[in-house]
């Protein structure tokens, strides 16, 4: 149950807060920071979540999750 609660709470929070206003007078730095954050997140999403970074012994494992070959 604990593995599903965090995404649900995060989704509820994001739905409550809504998207930021990008085209408002005097909010230029906020818009730049938002766009830079989104680009950075999308740019680093797959390199940082690559399984090779976290477990280098999954190639010859019999099971699908890769934990059986850990010593």
N, C-alpha and C. Protein backbone atom coordinates (compact mmCIF):
# COMPACT_ATOMS: atom_id res chain seq x y z
N UNK A 1 0.82 -1.20 0.00
CA UNK A 1 0.00 0.00 0.00
C UNK A 1 0.86 1.26 0.00
N UNK A 2 2.00 1.23 0.69
CA UNK A 2 2.84 2.40 0.79
C UNK A 2 3.45 2.82 -0.53
N UNK A 3 3.61 1.91 -1.46
CA UNK A 3 4.21 2.25 -2.74
C UNK A 3 3.26 3.04 -3.63
N UNK A 4 1.98 3.04 -3.38
CA UNK A 4 1.01 3.74 -4.22
C UNK A 4 0.55 5.05 -3.58
N UNK A 5 0.73 5.20 -2.29
CA UNK A 5 0.23 6.39 -1.60
C UNK A 5 0.98 7.65 -2.03
N UNK A 6 2.30 7.58 -2.13
CA UNK A 6 3.09 8.76 -2.49
C UNK A 6 2.73 9.30 -3.88
N UNK A 7 2.62 8.48 -4.93
CA UNK A 7 2.20 9.03 -6.22
C UNK A 7 0.80 9.62 -6.21
N UNK A 8 -0.10 9.01 -5.44
CA UNK A 8 -1.46 9.54 -5.38
C UNK A 8 -1.48 10.90 -4.70
N UNK A 9 -0.75 11.02 -3.59
CA UNK A 9 -0.68 12.31 -2.89
C UNK A 9 -0.02 13.37 -3.77
N UNK A 10 1.05 13.01 -4.47
CA UNK A 10 1.71 13.96 -5.36
C UNK A 10 0.76 14.40 -6.48
N UNK A 11 -0.01 13.48 -7.02
CA UNK A 11 -0.96 13.81 -8.09
C UNK A 11 -2.07 14.72 -7.57
N UNK A 12 -2.55 14.44 -6.38
CA UNK A 12 -3.58 15.30 -5.78
C UNK A 12 -3.04 16.71 -5.57
N UNK A 13 -1.81 16.81 -5.06
CA UNK A 13 -1.20 18.11 -4.83
C UNK A 13 -1.03 18.88 -6.15
N UNK A 14 -0.55 18.20 -7.18
CA UNK A 14 -0.37 18.87 -8.48
C UNK A 14 -1.71 19.31 -9.07
N UNK A 15 -2.73 18.50 -8.94
CA UNK A 15 -4.05 18.89 -9.43
C UNK A 15 -4.60 20.08 -8.65
N UNK A 16 -4.33 20.13 -7.36
CA UNK A 16 -4.79 21.24 -6.53
C UNK A 16 -4.07 22.54 -6.88
N UNK A 17 -2.75 22.46 -7.08
CA UNK A 17 -1.95 23.66 -7.34
C UNK A 17 -2.13 24.17 -8.77
N UNK A 18 -2.30 23.30 -9.72
CA UNK A 18 -2.46 23.71 -11.11
C UNK A 18 -1.14 24.06 -11.76
N UNK A 19 -1.20 24.42 -13.01
CA UNK A 19 -0.01 24.81 -13.76
C UNK A 19 0.33 26.27 -13.48
N UNK A 20 1.61 26.62 -13.51
CA UNK A 20 1.99 28.02 -13.28
C UNK A 20 1.60 28.90 -14.46
N UNK A 21 1.38 30.16 -14.17
CA UNK A 21 1.06 31.13 -15.21
C UNK A 21 2.37 31.55 -15.86
N UNK A 22 2.52 31.27 -17.16
CA UNK A 22 3.78 31.57 -17.84
C UNK A 22 3.78 32.93 -18.52
N UNK A 23 2.64 33.48 -18.81
CA UNK A 23 2.57 34.74 -19.55
C UNK A 23 1.96 35.84 -18.71
N UNK A 24 2.59 36.16 -17.59
CA UNK A 24 2.10 37.24 -16.73
C UNK A 24 3.15 38.34 -16.67
N UNK A 25 2.71 39.56 -16.59
CA UNK A 25 3.62 40.70 -16.53
C UNK A 25 4.39 40.67 -15.20
N UNK A 26 5.70 40.79 -15.27
CA UNK A 26 6.53 40.80 -14.07
C UNK A 26 6.90 39.42 -13.56
N UNK A 27 6.61 38.39 -14.28
CA UNK A 27 6.91 37.01 -13.85
C UNK A 27 7.92 36.35 -14.78
N UNK A 28 8.83 37.14 -15.34
CA UNK A 28 9.78 36.61 -16.32
C UNK A 28 10.72 35.57 -15.75
N UNK A 29 11.29 35.83 -14.56
CA UNK A 29 12.23 34.88 -13.97
C UNK A 29 11.53 33.60 -13.55
N UNK A 30 10.30 33.70 -13.10
CA UNK A 30 9.55 32.50 -12.73
C UNK A 30 9.31 31.63 -13.96
N UNK A 31 8.98 32.26 -15.06
CA UNK A 31 8.74 31.52 -16.29
C UNK A 31 10.02 30.86 -16.79
N UNK A 32 11.13 31.59 -16.73
CA UNK A 32 12.41 31.04 -17.16
C UNK A 32 12.81 29.86 -16.27
N UNK A 33 12.63 30.00 -14.96
CA UNK A 33 12.97 28.91 -14.04
C UNK A 33 12.09 27.70 -14.27
N UNK A 34 10.79 27.92 -14.55
CA UNK A 34 9.89 26.80 -14.80
C UNK A 34 10.29 26.05 -16.07
N UNK A 35 10.55 26.78 -17.13
CA UNK A 35 10.94 26.14 -18.40
C UNK A 35 12.29 25.44 -18.25
N UNK A 36 13.24 26.07 -17.57
CA UNK A 36 14.55 25.45 -17.36
C UNK A 36 14.42 24.17 -16.52
N UNK A 37 13.56 24.20 -15.53
CA UNK A 37 13.34 23.00 -14.71
C UNK A 37 12.72 21.87 -15.50
N UNK A 38 11.75 22.19 -16.32
CA UNK A 38 11.12 21.15 -17.15
C UNK A 38 12.09 20.56 -18.16
N UNK A 39 12.88 21.42 -18.81
CA UNK A 39 13.86 20.94 -19.78
C UNK A 39 14.92 20.08 -19.07
N UNK A 40 15.39 20.55 -17.91
CA UNK A 40 16.37 19.77 -17.16
C UNK A 40 15.83 18.43 -16.70
N UNK A 41 14.59 18.41 -16.24
CA UNK A 41 13.97 17.16 -15.82
C UNK A 41 13.87 16.18 -16.98
N UNK A 42 13.37 16.65 -18.13
CA UNK A 42 13.22 15.76 -19.28
C UNK A 42 14.57 15.33 -19.84
N UNK A 43 15.56 16.19 -19.78
CA UNK A 43 16.90 15.88 -20.29
C UNK A 43 17.57 14.82 -19.43
N UNK A 44 17.37 14.86 -18.12
CA UNK A 44 18.05 13.94 -17.20
C UNK A 44 17.22 12.73 -16.80
N UNK A 45 15.96 12.67 -17.20
CA UNK A 45 15.07 11.60 -16.75
C UNK A 45 15.62 10.22 -17.07
N UNK A 46 15.94 9.95 -18.32
CA UNK A 46 16.37 8.61 -18.70
C UNK A 46 17.83 8.32 -18.34
N UNK A 47 18.77 9.26 -18.48
CA UNK A 47 20.14 8.94 -18.04
C UNK A 47 20.25 8.65 -16.54
N UNK A 48 19.51 9.37 -15.73
CA UNK A 48 19.62 9.20 -14.28
C UNK A 48 18.86 7.96 -13.80
N UNK A 49 17.84 7.54 -14.52
CA UNK A 49 17.07 6.37 -14.11
C UNK A 49 17.49 5.09 -14.82
N UNK A 50 18.63 5.10 -15.47
CA UNK A 50 19.14 3.92 -16.16
C UNK A 50 19.49 2.84 -15.14
N UNK A 51 18.96 1.63 -15.27
CA UNK A 51 19.25 0.58 -14.29
C UNK A 51 20.72 0.21 -14.18
N UNK A 52 21.50 0.45 -15.21
CA UNK A 52 22.92 0.14 -15.17
C UNK A 52 23.63 0.93 -14.07
N UNK A 53 23.12 2.10 -13.75
CA UNK A 53 23.73 2.91 -12.70
C UNK A 53 23.56 2.30 -11.32
N UNK A 54 22.54 1.49 -11.14
CA UNK A 54 22.19 1.00 -9.81
C UNK A 54 22.44 -0.48 -9.59
N UNK A 55 22.48 -1.28 -10.64
CA UNK A 55 22.72 -2.71 -10.49
C UNK A 55 23.41 -3.21 -11.74
N UNK A 56 24.68 -3.54 -11.62
CA UNK A 56 25.44 -3.99 -12.78
C UNK A 56 25.44 -5.50 -12.94
N UNK A 57 24.66 -6.23 -12.12
CA UNK A 57 24.65 -7.69 -12.19
C UNK A 57 23.31 -8.25 -12.66
N UNK A 58 22.58 -7.57 -13.48
CA UNK A 58 21.28 -8.07 -13.92
C UNK A 58 21.34 -8.79 -15.27
N UNK A 59 22.50 -8.83 -15.93
CA UNK A 59 22.58 -9.44 -17.25
C UNK A 59 22.36 -10.95 -17.23
N UNK A 60 22.92 -11.65 -16.26
CA UNK A 60 22.85 -13.11 -16.23
C UNK A 60 21.93 -13.62 -15.13
N UNK A 61 20.91 -12.89 -14.84
CA UNK A 61 20.02 -13.27 -13.75
C UNK A 61 18.86 -14.11 -14.29
N UNK A 62 18.43 -15.11 -13.49
CA UNK A 62 17.32 -15.97 -13.90
C UNK A 62 15.97 -15.31 -13.71
N UNK A 63 15.88 -14.38 -12.77
CA UNK A 63 14.58 -13.79 -12.47
C UNK A 63 14.44 -12.42 -13.12
N UNK A 64 13.23 -11.93 -13.25
CA UNK A 64 12.96 -10.70 -14.00
C UNK A 64 13.42 -9.45 -13.27
N UNK A 65 13.44 -9.45 -11.93
CA UNK A 65 13.77 -8.21 -11.20
C UNK A 65 15.26 -8.07 -10.92
N UNK A 66 16.05 -9.11 -11.12
CA UNK A 66 17.50 -8.99 -11.04
C UNK A 66 18.11 -9.10 -9.65
N UNK A 67 17.32 -9.46 -8.64
CA UNK A 67 17.86 -9.51 -7.28
C UNK A 67 18.52 -10.87 -6.96
N UNK A 68 18.25 -11.87 -7.75
CA UNK A 68 18.74 -13.19 -7.40
C UNK A 68 20.25 -13.32 -7.55
N UNK A 69 20.88 -12.47 -8.34
CA UNK A 69 22.32 -12.60 -8.56
C UNK A 69 23.13 -11.75 -7.59
N UNK A 70 22.48 -11.05 -6.69
CA UNK A 70 23.24 -10.26 -5.73
C UNK A 70 23.88 -11.16 -4.70
N UNK A 71 25.06 -10.84 -4.31
CA UNK A 71 25.78 -11.66 -3.33
C UNK A 71 25.41 -11.26 -1.92
